PDB file of N, CA and C in Angstrom:
ATOM      1  N   MET A   1      51.216 -95.827 -27.365  1.00  0.00           N
ATOM      2  CA  MET A   1      50.289 -96.912 -27.316  1.00  0.00           C
ATOM      3  C   MET A   1      49.268 -96.797 -28.446  1.00  0.00           C
ATOM      4  N   ARG A   2      48.854 -95.605 -28.663  1.00  0.00           N
ATOM      5  CA  ARG A   2      47.896 -95.342 -29.723  1.00  0.00           C
ATOM      6  C   ARG A   2      48.512 -95.733 -31.068  1.00  0.00           C
ATOM      7  N   ARG A   3      49.773 -95.409 -31.203  1.00  0.00           N
ATOM      8  CA  ARG A   3      50.470 -95.715 -32.435  1.00  0.00           C
ATOM      9  C   ARG A   3      50.563 -97.230 -32.631  1.00  0.00           C
ATOM     10  N   LEU A   4      50.782 -97.971 -31.597  1.00  0.00           N
ATOM     11  CA  LEU A   4      50.849 -99.421 -31.671  1.00  0.00           C
ATOM     12  C   LEU A   4      49.492-100.003 -32.047  1.00  0.00           C
ATOM     13  N   GLU A   5      48.449 -99.401 -31.482  1.00  0.00           N
ATOM     14  CA  GLU A   5      47.094 -99.840 -31.817  1.00  0.00           C
ATOM     15  C   GLU A   5      46.824 -99.622 -33.298  1.00  0.00           C
ATOM     16  N   MET A   6      47.236 -98.494 -33.818  1.00  0.00           N
ATOM     17  CA  MET A   6      47.023 -98.158 -35.226  1.00  0.00           C
ATOM     18  C   MET A   6      47.820 -99.121 -36.122  1.00  0.00           C
ATOM     19  N   GLU A   7      49.053 -99.386 -35.704  1.00  0.00           N
ATOM     20  CA  GLU A   7      49.869-100.322 -36.469  1.00  0.00           C
ATOM     21  C   GLU A   7      49.240-101.713 -36.447  1.00  0.00           C
ATOM     22  N   LYS A   8      48.726-102.078 -35.261  1.00  0.00           N
ATOM     23  CA  LYS A   8      48.090-103.375 -35.126  1.00  0.00           C
ATOM     24  C   LYS A   8      46.868-103.463 -36.031  1.00  0.00           C
ATOM     25  N   GLU A   9      46.039-102.404 -36.033  1.00  0.00           N
ATOM     26  CA  GLU A   9      44.849-102.379 -36.879  1.00  0.00           C
ATOM     27  C   GLU A   9      45.233-102.425 -38.359  1.00  0.00           C
ATOM     28  N   GLU A  10      46.282-101.681 -38.679  1.00  0.00           N
ATOM     29  CA  GLU A  10      46.747-101.656 -40.071  1.00  0.00           C
ATOM     30  C   GLU A  10      47.266-103.039 -40.486  1.00  0.00           C
ATOM     31  N   LEU A  11      48.014-103.654 -39.605  1.00  0.00           N
ATOM     32  CA  LEU A  11      48.508-104.995 -39.886  1.00  0.00           C
ATOM     33  C   LEU A  11      47.351-105.995 -39.985  1.00  0.00           C
ATOM     34  N   GLN A  12      46.348-105.809 -39.098  1.00  0.00           N
ATOM     35  CA  GLN A  12      45.184-106.692 -39.132  1.00  0.00           C
ATOM     36  C   GLN A  12      44.429-106.541 -40.449  1.00  0.00           C
ATOM     37  N   ARG A  13      44.262-105.287 -40.903  1.00  0.00           N
ATOM     38  CA  ARG A  13      43.594-105.037 -42.187  1.00  0.00           C
ATOM     39  C   ARG A  13      44.387-105.691 -43.323  1.00  0.00           C
ATOM     40  N   GLY A  14      45.690-105.528 -43.272  1.00  0.00           N
ATOM     41  CA  GLY A  14      46.547-106.143 -44.294  1.00  0.00           C
ATOM     42  C   GLY A  14      46.417-107.654 -44.281  1.00  0.00           C
ATOM     43  N   LEU A  15      46.403-108.208 -43.062  1.00  0.00           N
ATOM     44  CA  LEU A  15      46.241-109.649 -42.927  1.00  0.00           C
ATOM     45  C   LEU A  15      44.882-110.086 -43.452  1.00  0.00           C
ATOM     46  N   ASP A  16      43.827-109.341 -43.107  1.00  0.00           N
ATOM     47  CA  ASP A  16      42.485-109.665 -43.592  1.00  0.00           C
ATOM     48  C   ASP A  16      42.418-109.601 -45.117  1.00  0.00           C
ATOM     49  N   GLU A  17      43.032-108.565 -45.679  1.00  0.00           N
ATOM     50  CA  GLU A  17      43.050-108.420 -47.142  1.00  0.00           C
ATOM     51  C   GLU A  17      43.820-109.577 -47.790  1.00  0.00           C
ATOM     52  N   ALA A  18      44.945-109.923 -47.160  1.00  0.00           N
ATOM     53  CA  ALA A  18      45.757-111.019 -47.695  1.00  0.00           C
ATOM     54  C   ALA A  18      44.987-112.334 -47.616  1.00  0.00           C
ATOM     55  N   GLU A  19      44.293-112.548 -46.490  1.00  0.00           N
ATOM     56  CA  GLU A  19      43.498-113.767 -46.354  1.00  0.00           C
ATOM     57  C   GLU A  19      42.360-113.799 -47.378  1.00  0.00           C
ATOM     58  N   ALA A  20      41.715-112.633 -47.585  1.00  0.00           N
ATOM     59  CA  ALA A  20      40.636-112.554 -48.569  1.00  0.00           C
ATOM     60  C   ALA A  20      41.178-112.825 -49.970  1.00  0.00           C
ATOM     61  N   ALA A  21      42.336-112.239 -50.267  1.00  0.00           N
ATOM     62  CA  ALA A  21      42.956-112.461 -51.574  1.00  0.00           C
ATOM     63  C   ALA A  21      43.338-113.935 -51.734  1.00  0.00           C
ATOM     64  N   LEU A  22      43.862-114.528 -50.654  1.00  0.00           N
ATOM     65  CA  LEU A  22      44.235-115.937 -50.686  1.00  0.00           C
ATOM     66  C   LEU A  22      43.004-116.810 -50.927  1.00  0.00           C
ATOM     67  N   GLU A  23      41.909-116.520 -50.227  1.00  0.00           N
ATOM     68  CA  GLU A  23      40.672-117.277 -50.424  1.00  0.00           C
ATOM     69  C   GLU A  23      40.168-117.134 -51.859  1.00  0.00           C
ATOM     70  N   ALA A  24      40.257-115.892 -52.386  1.00  0.00           N
ATOM     71  CA  ALA A  24      39.818-115.666 -53.767  1.00  0.00           C
ATOM     72  C   ALA A  24      40.681-116.477 -54.735  1.00  0.00           C
ATOM     73  N   GLU A  25      41.981-116.498 -54.516  1.00  0.00           N
ATOM     74  CA  GLU A  25      42.889-117.253 -55.391  1.00  0.00           C
ATOM     75  C   GLU A  25      42.663-118.754 -55.248  1.00  0.00           C
ATOM     76  N   GLU A  26      42.418-119.205 -54.016  1.00  0.00           N
ATOM     77  CA  GLU A  26      42.126-120.626 -53.815  1.00  0.00           C
ATOM     78  C   GLU A  26      40.828-121.011 -54.521  1.00  0.00           C
ATOM     79  N   SER A  27      39.831-120.126 -54.439  1.00  0.00           N
ATOM     80  CA  SER A  27      38.558-120.368 -55.119  1.00  0.00           C
ATOM     81  C   SER A  27      38.764-120.409 -56.630  1.00  0.00           C
ATOM     82  N   LYS A  28      39.552-119.458 -57.123  1.00  0.00           N
ATOM     83  CA  LYS A  28      39.853-119.428 -58.561  1.00  0.00           C
ATOM     84  C   LYS A  28      40.602-120.698 -58.976  1.00  0.00           C
ATOM     85  N   SER A  29      41.552-121.118 -58.144  1.00  0.00           N
ATOM     86  CA  SER A  29      42.318-122.328 -58.429  1.00  0.00           C
ATOM     87  C   SER A  29      41.401-123.548 -58.458  1.00  0.00           C
ATOM     88  N   LEU A  30      40.472-123.630 -57.501  1.00  0.00           N
ATOM     89  CA  LEU A  30      39.534-124.741 -57.457  1.00  0.00           C
ATOM     90  C   LEU A  30      38.652-124.761 -58.702  1.00  0.00           C
ATOM     91  N   ARG A  31      38.163-123.574 -59.117  1.00  0.00           N
ATOM     92  CA  ARG A  31      37.347-123.494 -60.336  1.00  0.00           C
ATOM     93  C   ARG A  31      38.152-123.961 -61.549  1.00  0.00           C
ATOM     94  N   CYS A  32      39.404-123.546 -61.602  1.00  0.00           N
ATOM     95  CA  CYS A  32      40.261-123.966 -62.724  1.00  0.00           C
ATOM     96  C   CYS A  32      40.465-125.481 -62.715  1.00  0.00           C
ATOM     97  N   GLN A  33      40.678-126.063 -61.542  1.00  0.00           N
ATOM     98  CA  GLN A  33      40.851-127.512 -61.452  1.00  0.00           C
ATOM     99  C   GLN A  33      39.585-128.240 -61.897  1.00  0.00           C
ATOM    100  N   ILE A  34      38.426-127.716 -61.477  1.00  0.00           N
ATOM    101  CA  ILE A  34      37.155-128.313 -61.892  1.00  0.00           C
ATOM    102  C   ILE A  34      37.000-128.204 -63.401  1.00  0.00           C
ATOM    103  N   GLU A  35      37.339-127.037 -63.948  1.00  0.00           N
ATOM    104  CA  GLU A  35      37.234-126.834 -65.398  1.00  0.00           C
ATOM    105  C   GLU A  35      38.176-127.776 -66.150  1.00  0.00           C
ATOM    106  N   VAL A  36      39.395-127.921 -65.644  1.00  0.00           N
ATOM    107  CA  VAL A  36      40.356-128.830 -66.277  1.00  0.00           C
ATOM    108  C   VAL A  36      39.822-130.266 -66.235  1.00  0.00           C
ATOM    109  N   THR A  37      39.239-130.658 -65.110  1.00  0.00           N
ATOM    110  CA  THR A  37      38.669-132.002 -64.987  1.00  0.00           C
ATOM    111  C   THR A  37      37.535-132.201 -65.985  1.00  0.00           C
ATOM    112  N   GLN A  38      36.676-131.195 -66.123  1.00  0.00           N
ATOM    113  CA  GLN A  38      35.565-131.284 -67.074  1.00  0.00           C
ATOM    114  C   GLN A  38      36.077-131.357 -68.511  1.00  0.00           C
ATOM    115  N   ILE A  39      37.063-130.528 -68.819  1.00  0.00           N
ATOM    116  CA  ILE A  39      37.638-130.531 -70.173  1.00  0.00           C
ATOM    117  C   ILE A  39      38.288-131.887 -70.461  1.00  0.00           C
ATOM    118  N   ARG A  40      39.020-132.408 -69.473  1.00  0.00           N
ATOM    119  CA  ARG A  40      39.671-133.709 -69.650  1.00  0.00           C
ATOM    120  C   ARG A  40      38.621-134.797 -69.900  1.00  0.00           C
ATOM    121  N   ALA A  41      37.525-134.758 -69.132  1.00  0.00           N
ATOM    122  CA  ALA A  41      36.459-135.749 -69.311  1.00  0.00           C
ATOM    123  C   ALA A  41      35.835-135.624 -70.702  1.00  0.00           C
ATOM    124  N   GLU A  42      35.617-134.386 -71.159  1.00  0.00           N
ATOM    125  CA  GLU A  42      35.041-134.166 -72.492  1.00  0.00           C
ATOM    126  C   GLU A  42      35.987-134.674 -73.582  1.00  0.00           C
ATOM    127  N   ILE A  43      37.268-134.401 -73.420  1.00  0.00           N
ATOM    128  CA  ILE A  43      38.258-134.859 -74.405  1.00  0.00           C
ATOM    129  C   ILE A  43      38.310-136.386 -74.431  1.00  0.00           C
ATOM    130  N   GLU A  44      38.313-137.014 -73.246  1.00  0.00           N
ATOM    131  CA  GLU A  44      38.339-138.476 -73.192  1.00  0.00           C
ATOM    132  C   GLU A  44      37.083-139.065 -73.830  1.00  0.00           C
ATOM    133  N   LYS A  45      35.940-138.399 -73.625  1.00  0.00           N
ATOM    134  CA  LYS A  45      34.690-138.854 -74.241  1.00  0.00           C
ATOM    135  C   LYS A  45      34.790-138.759 -75.761  1.00  0.00           C
ATOM    136  N   ARG A  46      35.308-137.631 -76.252  1.00  0.00           N
ATOM    137  CA  ARG A  46      35.451-137.459 -77.704  1.00  0.00           C
ATOM    138  C   ARG A  46      36.415-138.486 -78.288  1.00  0.00           C
ATOM    139  N   ILE A  47      37.510-138.729 -77.572  1.00  0.00           N
ATOM    140  CA  ILE A  47      38.482-139.726 -78.039  1.00  0.00           C
ATOM    141  C   ILE A  47      37.817-141.101 -78.125  1.00  0.00           C
ATOM    142  N   ALA A  48      37.041-141.448 -77.093  1.00  0.00           N
ATOM    143  CA  ALA A  48      36.347-142.745 -77.097  1.00  0.00           C
ATOM    144  C   ALA A  48      35.370-142.826 -78.269  1.00  0.00           C
ATOM    145  N   GLU A  49      34.653-141.726 -78.543  1.00  0.00           N
ATOM    146  CA  GLU A  49      33.716-141.712 -79.673  1.00  0.00           C
ATOM    147  C   GLU A  49      34.457-141.888 -80.992  1.00  0.00           C
ATOM    148  N   LYS A  50      35.576-141.176 -81.143  1.00  0.00           N
ATOM    149  CA  LYS A  50      36.359-141.282 -82.382  1.00  0.00           C
ATOM    150  C   LYS A  50      36.941-142.687 -82.536  1.00  0.00           C
ATOM    151  N   GLU A  51      37.394-143.276 -81.425  1.00  0.00           N
ATOM    152  CA  GLU A  51      37.918-144.640 -81.497  1.00  0.00           C
ATOM    153  C   GLU A  51      36.819-145.614 -81.921  1.00  0.00           C
ATOM    154  N   GLU A  52      35.606-145.407 -81.397  1.00  0.00           N
ATOM    155  CA  GLU A  52      34.486-146.267 -81.781  1.00  0.00           C
ATOM    156  C   GLU A  52      34.151-146.078 -83.261  1.00  0.00           C
ATOM    157  N   GLU A  53      34.128-144.816 -83.721  1.00  0.00           N
ATOM    158  CA  GLU A  53      33.878-144.543 -85.146  1.00  0.00           C
ATOM    159  C   GLU A  53      34.938-145.225 -86.005  1.00  0.00           C
ATOM    160  N   PHE A  54      36.195-145.085 -85.587  1.00  0.00           N
ATOM    161  CA  PHE A  54      37.294-145.681 -86.340  1.00  0.00           C
ATOM    162  C   PHE A  54      37.144-147.201 -86.392  1.00  0.00           C
ATOM    163  N   GLU A  55      36.814-147.805 -85.256  1.00  0.00           N
ATOM    164  CA  GLU A  55      36.666-149.263 -85.205  1.00  0.00           C
ATOM    165  C   GLU A  55      35.516-149.723 -86.093  1.00  0.00           C
ATOM    166  N   ASN A  56      34.402-148.997 -86.055  1.00  0.00           N
ATOM    167  CA  ASN A  56      33.268-149.346 -86.921  1.00  0.00           C
ATOM    168  C   ASN A  56      33.651-149.215 -88.392  1.00  0.00           C
ATOM    169  N   SER A  57      34.348-148.135 -88.720  1.00  0.00           N
ATOM    170  CA  SER A  57      34.795-147.922 -90.100  1.00  0.00           C
ATOM    171  C   SER A  57      35.763-149.031 -90.520  1.00  0.00           C
ATOM    172  N   ARG A  58      36.661-149.401 -89.617  1.00  0.00           N
ATOM    173  CA  ARG A  58      37.623-150.460 -89.912  1.00  0.00           C
ATOM    174  C   ARG A  58      36.891-151.779 -90.185  1.00  0.00           C
ATOM    175  N   LYS A  59      35.872-152.075 -89.375  1.00  0.00           N
ATOM    176  CA  LYS A  59      35.107-153.313 -89.570  1.00  0.00           C
ATOM    177  C   LYS A  59      34.402-153.315 -90.924  1.00  0.00           C
ATOM    178  N   VAL A  60      33.798-152.175 -91.282  1.00  0.00           N
ATOM    179  CA  VAL A  60      33.100-152.080 -92.572  1.00  0.00           C
ATOM    180  C   VAL A  60      34.090-152.279 -93.715  1.00  0.00           C
ATOM    181  N   HIS A  61      35.240-151.628 -93.619  1.00  0.00           N
ATOM    182  CA  HIS A  61      36.238-151.762 -94.679  1.00  0.00           C
ATOM    183  C   HIS A  61      36.792-153.185 -94.738  1.00  0.00           C
ATOM    184  N   GLN A  62      36.965-153.812 -93.584  1.00  0.00           N
ATOM    185  CA  GLN A  62      37.459-155.189 -93.574  1.00  0.00           C
ATOM    186  C   GLN A  62      36.444-156.124 -94.222  1.00  0.00           C
ATOM    187  N   GLN A  63      35.158-155.892 -93.944  1.00  0.00           N
ATOM    188  CA  GLN A  63      34.118-156.709 -94.575  1.00  0.00           C
ATOM    189  C   GLN A  63      34.129-156.511 -96.091  1.00  0.00           C
ATOM    190  N   THR A  64      34.320-155.266 -96.524  1.00  0.00           N
ATOM    191  CA  THR A  64      34.393-154.979 -97.956  1.00  0.00           C
ATOM    192  C   THR A  64      35.590-155.689 -98.580  1.00  0.00           C
ATOM    193  N   ILE A  65      36.725-155.611 -97.905  1.00  0.00           N
ATOM    194  CA  ILE A  65      37.933-156.282 -98.402  1.00  0.00           C
ATOM    195  C   ILE A  65      37.702-157.789 -98.483  1.00  0.00           C
ATOM    196  N   ASP A  66      37.107-158.356 -97.428  1.00  0.00           N
ATOM    197  CA  ASP A  66      36.839-159.800 -97.424  1.00  0.00           C
ATOM    198  C   ASP A  66      35.902-160.187 -98.570  1.00  0.00           C
ATOM    199  N   SER A  67      34.883-159.362 -98.797  1.00  0.00           N
ATOM    200  CA  SER A  67      33.929-159.633 -99.876  1.00  0.00           C
ATOM    201  C   SER A  67      34.618-159.567-101.235  1.00  0.00           C
ATOM    202  N   ILE A  68      35.427-158.540-101.432  1.00  0.00           N
ATOM    203  CA  ILE A  68      36.158-158.399-102.699  1.00  0.00           C
ATOM    204  C   ILE A  68      37.112-159.578-102.885  1.00  0.00           C
ATOM    205  N   GLN A  69      37.784-159.975-101.803  1.00  0.00           N
ATOM    206  CA  GLN A  69      38.713-161.106-101.876  1.00  0.00           C
ATOM    207  C   GLN A  69      37.977-162.388-102.256  1.00  0.00           C
ATOM    208  N   ALA A  70      36.809-162.599-101.645  1.00  0.00           N
ATOM    209  CA  ALA A  70      36.021-163.800-101.962  1.00  0.00           C
ATOM    210  C   ALA A  70      35.572-163.773-103.420  1.00  0.00           C
ATOM    211  N   THR A  71      35.138-162.603-103.892  1.00  0.00           N
ATOM    212  CA  THR A  71      34.724-162.467-105.292  1.00  0.00           C
ATOM    213  C   THR A  71      35.898-162.743-106.220  1.00  0.00           C
ATOM    214  N   LEU A  72      37.044-162.194-105.882  1.00  0.00           N
ATOM    215  CA  LEU A  72      38.248-162.393-106.694  1.00  0.00           C
ATOM    216  C   LEU A  72      38.624-163.876-106.753  1.00  0.00           C
ATOM    217  N   GLU A  73      38.584-164.548-105.601  1.00  0.00           N
ATOM    218  CA  GLU A  73      38.907-165.978-105.578  1.00  0.00           C
ATOM    219  C   GLU A  73      37.896-166.775-106.401  1.00  0.00           C
ATOM    220  N   SER A  74      36.622-166.426-106.273  1.00  0.00           N
ATOM    221  CA  SER A  74      35.574-167.115-107.032  1.00  0.00           C
ATOM    222  C   SER A  74      35.774-166.916-108.529  1.00  0.00           C
ATOM    223  N   GLU A  75      36.061-165.685-108.934  1.00  0.00           N
ATOM    224  CA  GLU A  75      36.283-165.407-110.356  1.00  0.00           C
ATOM    225  C   GLU A  75      37.535-166.109-110.864  1.00  0.00           C
ATOM    226  N   SER A  76      38.551-166.183-110.024  1.00  0.00           N
ATOM    227  CA  SER A  76      39.778-166.871-110.416  1.00  0.00           C
ATOM    228  C   SER A  76      39.515-168.364-110.631  1.00  0.00           C
ATOM    229  N   LYS A  77      38.739-168.968-109.719  1.00  0.00           N
ATOM    230  CA  LYS A  77      38.389-170.390-109.878  1.00  0.00           C
ATOM    231  C   LYS A  77      37.550-170.594-111.135  1.00  0.00           C
ATOM    232  N   ALA A  78      36.600-169.687-111.367  1.00  0.00           N
ATOM    233  CA  ALA A  78      35.749-169.800-112.561  1.00  0.00           C
ATOM    234  C   ALA A  78      36.591-169.679-113.824  1.00  0.00           C
ATOM    235  N   LYS A  79      37.548-168.759-113.819  1.00  0.00           N
ATOM    236  CA  LYS A  79      38.421-168.583-114.980  1.00  0.00           C
ATOM    237  C   LYS A  79      39.244-169.848-115.224  1.00  0.00           C
ATOM    238  N   SER A  80      39.777-170.420-114.156  1.00  0.00           N
ATOM    239  CA  SER A  80      40.555-171.661-114.296  1.00  0.00           C
ATOM    240  C   SER A  80      39.689-172.782-114.845  1.00  0.00           C
ATOM    241  N   GLU A  81      38.467-172.885-114.331  1.00  0.00           N
ATOM    242  CA  GLU A  81      37.548-173.931-114.802  1.00  0.00           C
ATOM    243  C   GLU A  81      37.199-173.708-116.272  1.00  0.00           C
ATOM    244  N   LEU A  82      36.945-172.455-116.650  1.00  0.00           N
ATOM    245  CA  LEU A  82      36.633-172.158-118.051  1.00  0.00           C
ATOM    246  C   LEU A  82      37.816-172.486-118.958  1.00  0.00           C
ATOM    247  N   PHE A  83      39.018-172.186-118.503  1.00  0.00           N
ATOM    248  CA  PHE A  83      40.210-172.494-119.283  1.00  0.00           C
ATOM    249  C   PHE A  83      40.342-174.010-119.468  1.00  0.00           C
ATOM    250  N   ARG A  84      40.084-174.769-118.386  1.00  0.00           N
ATOM    251  CA  ARG A  84      40.150-176.230-118.454  1.00  0.00           C
ATOM    252  C   ARG A  84      39.098-176.767-119.432  1.00  0.00           C
ATOM    253  N   VAL A  85      37.872-176.246-119.342  1.00  0.00           N
ATOM    254  CA  VAL A  85      36.794-176.684-120.239  1.00  0.00           C
ATOM    255  C   VAL A  85      37.139-176.326-121.684  1.00  0.00           C
ATOM    256  N   LYS A  86      37.700-175.133-121.894  1.00  0.00           N
ATOM    257  CA  LYS A  86      38.088-174.710-123.248  1.00  0.00           C
ATOM    258  C   LYS A  86      39.118-175.678-123.829  1.00  0.00           C
ATOM    259  N   LYS A  87      40.131-176.023-123.036  1.00  0.00           N
ATOM    260  CA  LYS A  87      41.163-176.951-123.510  1.00  0.00           C
ATOM    261  C   LYS A  87      40.546-178.313-123.852  1.00  0.00           C
ATOM    262  N   LYS A  88      39.623-178.783-123.000  1.00  0.00           N
ATOM    263  CA  LYS A  88      38.974-180.070-123.265  1.00  0.00           C
ATOM    264  C   LYS A  88      38.153-179.995-124.546  1.00  0.00           C
ATOM    265  N   LEU A  89      37.402-178.899-124.714  1.00  0.00           N
ATOM    266  CA  LEU A  89      36.588-178.756-125.926  1.00  0.00           C
ATOM    267  C   LEU A  89      37.470-178.661-127.170  1.00  0.00           C
ATOM    268  N   GLU A  90      38.594-177.963-127.054  1.00  0.00           N
ATOM    269  CA  GLU A  90      39.526-177.887-128.186  1.00  0.00           C
ATOM    270  C   GLU A  90      40.053-179.278-128.530  1.00  0.00           C
ATOM    271  N   ALA A  91      40.381-180.068-127.502  1.00  0.00           N
ATOM    272  CA  ALA A  91      40.860-181.441-127.739  1.00  0.00           C
ATOM    273  C   ALA A  91      39.757-182.282-128.370  1.00  0.00           C
ATOM    274  N   ASP A  92      38.512-182.122-127.874  1.00  0.00           N
ATOM    275  CA  ASP A  92      37.378-182.863-128.455  1.00  0.00           C
ATOM    276  C   ASP A  92      37.178-182.479-129.919  1.00  0.00           C
ATOM    277  N   ILE A  93      37.259-181.180-130.211  1.00  0.00           N
ATOM    278  CA  ILE A  93      37.110-180.713-131.602  1.00  0.00           C
ATOM    279  C   ILE A  93      38.199-181.317-132.472  1.00  0.00           C
ATOM    280  N   ASN A  94      39.414-181.317-131.958  1.00  0.00           N
ATOM    281  CA  ASN A  94      40.534-181.887-132.711  1.00  0.00           C
ATOM    282  C   ASN A  94      40.291-183.368-132.994  1.00  0.00           C
ATOM    283  N   GLU A  95      39.842-184.110-131.990  1.00  0.00           N
ATOM    284  CA  GLU A  95      39.548-185.537-132.186  1.00  0.00           C
ATOM    285  C   GLU A  95      38.418-185.726-133.196  1.00  0.00           C
ATOM    286  N   LEU A  96      37.386-184.881-133.100  1.00  0.00           N
ATOM    287  CA  LEU A  96      36.269-184.985-134.044  1.00  0.00           C
ATOM    288  C   LEU A  96      36.715-184.655-135.467  1.00  0.00           C
ATOM    289  N   GLU A  97      37.605-183.668-135.604  1.00  0.00           N
ATOM    290  CA  GLU A  97      38.128-183.330-136.934  1.00  0.00           C
ATOM    291  C   GLU A  97      38.919-184.502-137.512  1.00  0.00           C
ATOM    292  N   ILE A  98      39.723-185.141-136.654  1.00  0.00           N
ATOM    293  CA  ILE A  98      40.492-186.311-137.107  1.00  0.00           C
ATOM    294  C   ILE A  98      39.538-187.439-137.507  1.00  0.00           C
ATOM    295  N   ALA A  99      38.525-187.671-136.666  1.00  0.00           N
ATOM    296  CA  ALA A  99      37.543-188.728-136.972  1.00  0.00           C
ATOM    297  C   ALA A  99      36.805-188.401-138.262  1.00  0.00           C
ATOM    298  N   LEU A 100      36.453-187.116-138.458  1.00  0.00           N
ATOM    299  CA  LEU A 100      35.771-186.701-139.684  1.00  0.00           C
ATOM    300  C   LEU A 100      36.680-186.909-140.887  1.00  0.00           C
ATOM    301  N   ASP A 101      37.943-186.560-140.731  1.00  0.00           N
ATOM    302  CA  ASP A 101      38.908-186.747-141.819  1.00  0.00           C
ATOM    303  C   ASP A 101      39.010-188.234-142.179  1.00  0.00           C
ATOM    304  N   HIS A 102      39.095-189.090-141.163  1.00  0.00           N
ATOM    305  CA  HIS A 102      39.160-190.542-141.416  1.00  0.00           C
ATOM    306  C   HIS A 102      37.878-191.035-142.084  1.00  0.00           C
ATOM    307  N   ALA A 103      36.750-190.511-141.596  1.00  0.00           N
ATOM    308  CA  ALA A 103      35.462-190.919-142.179  1.00  0.00           C
ATOM    309  C   ALA A 103      35.377-190.465-143.629  1.00  0.00           C
ATOM    310  N   ASN A 104      35.836-189.258-143.929  1.00  0.00           N
ATOM    311  CA  ASN A 104      35.822-188.761-145.312  1.00  0.00           C
ATOM    312  C   ASN A 104      36.722-189.618-146.201  1.00  0.00           C
ATOM    313  N   ARG A 105      37.896-189.982-145.704  1.00  0.00           N
ATOM    314  CA  ARG A 105      38.802-190.830-146.485  1.00  0.00           C
ATOM    315  C   ARG A 105      38.172-192.207-146.725  1.00  0.00           C
ATOM    316  N   ALA A 106      37.587-192.729-145.658  1.00  0.00           N
ATOM    317  CA  ALA A 106      36.932-194.040-145.797  1.00  0.00           C
ATOM    318  C   ALA A 106      35.789-193.942-146.799  1.00  0.00           C
ATOM    319  N   ASN A 107      35.071-192.836-146.755  1.00  0.00           N
ATOM    320  CA  ASN A 107      33.970-192.616-147.691  1.00  0.00           C
ATOM    321  C   ASN A 107      34.501-192.528-149.119  1.00  0.00           C
ATOM    322  N   GLU A 108      35.605-191.772-149.298  1.00  0.00           N
ATOM    323  CA  GLU A 108      36.208-191.651-150.627  1.00  0.00           C
ATOM    324  C   GLU A 108      36.661-193.022-151.137  1.00  0.00           C
ATOM    325  N   ASP A 109      37.305-193.783-150.242  1.00  0.00           N
ATOM    326  CA  ASP A 109      37.756-195.126-150.635  1.00  0.00           C
ATOM    327  C   ASP A 109      36.563-195.997-151.015  1.00  0.00           C
ATOM    328  N   ALA A 110      35.524-195.892-150.215  1.00  0.00           N
ATOM    329  CA  ALA A 110      34.321-196.689-150.492  1.00  0.00           C
ATOM    330  C   ALA A 110      33.720-196.266-151.820  1.00  0.00           C
ATOM    331  N   GLN A 111      33.686-194.960-152.104  1.00  0.00           N
ATOM    332  CA  GLN A 111      33.146-194.461-153.374  1.00  0.00           C
ATOM    333  C   GLN A 111      33.989-194.977-154.552  1.00  0.00           C
ATOM    334  N   LYS A 112      35.327-194.996-154.377  1.00  0.00           N
ATOM    335  CA  LYS A 112      36.211-195.484-155.436  1.00  0.00           C
ATOM    336  C   LYS A 112      35.973-196.974-155.685  1.00  0.00           C
ATOM    337  N   ASN A 113      35.821-197.720-154.612  1.00  0.00           N
ATOM    338  CA  ASN A 113      35.597-199.172-154.735  1.00  0.00           C
ATOM    339  C   ASN A 113      34.252-199.458-155.386  1.00  0.00           C
ATOM    340  N   ILE A 114      33.270-198.636-155.123  1.00  0.00           N
ATOM    341  CA  ILE A 114      31.949-198.838-155.702  1.00  0.00           C
ATOM    342  C   ILE A 114      32.021-198.576-157.205  1.00  0.00           C
ATOM    343  N   ARG A 115      32.798-197.628-157.668  1.00  0.00           N
ATOM    344  CA  ARG A 115      32.896-197.276-159.078  1.00  0.00           C
ATOM    345  C   ARG A 115      33.633-198.353-159.851  1.00  0.00           C
ATOM    346  N   PHE A 116      34.541-199.032-159.281  1.00  0.00           N
ATOM    347  CA  PHE A 116      35.339-200.044-160.003  1.00  0.00           C
ATOM    348  C   PHE A 116      34.737-201.342-159.881  1.00  0.00           C
TER     349      PHE A 116
END
């Protein structure tokens, strides 16, 4: 009987130790789960911050692109207008040269007629 009591006590101690170890492992597991949750929240926060930074950067670059595009279109229109004005001025110069040539000939003819 004494031996059974000793075995019972020994088994009880083993059971108590196992329960204590189980509680310690459950506590450790819970701490790990909490830590994983905190890490996940921190990572999600960082991702959200980086996405916001990226979006802001994208908007700034898009505005720059739009501004450059508008400048390019404006310069292209100005160049076309200048080319058109240049062609018109060249045509005007050509007409004036022809008119001057005719006027000079008429003047020469008039000078010849005056001499005779």
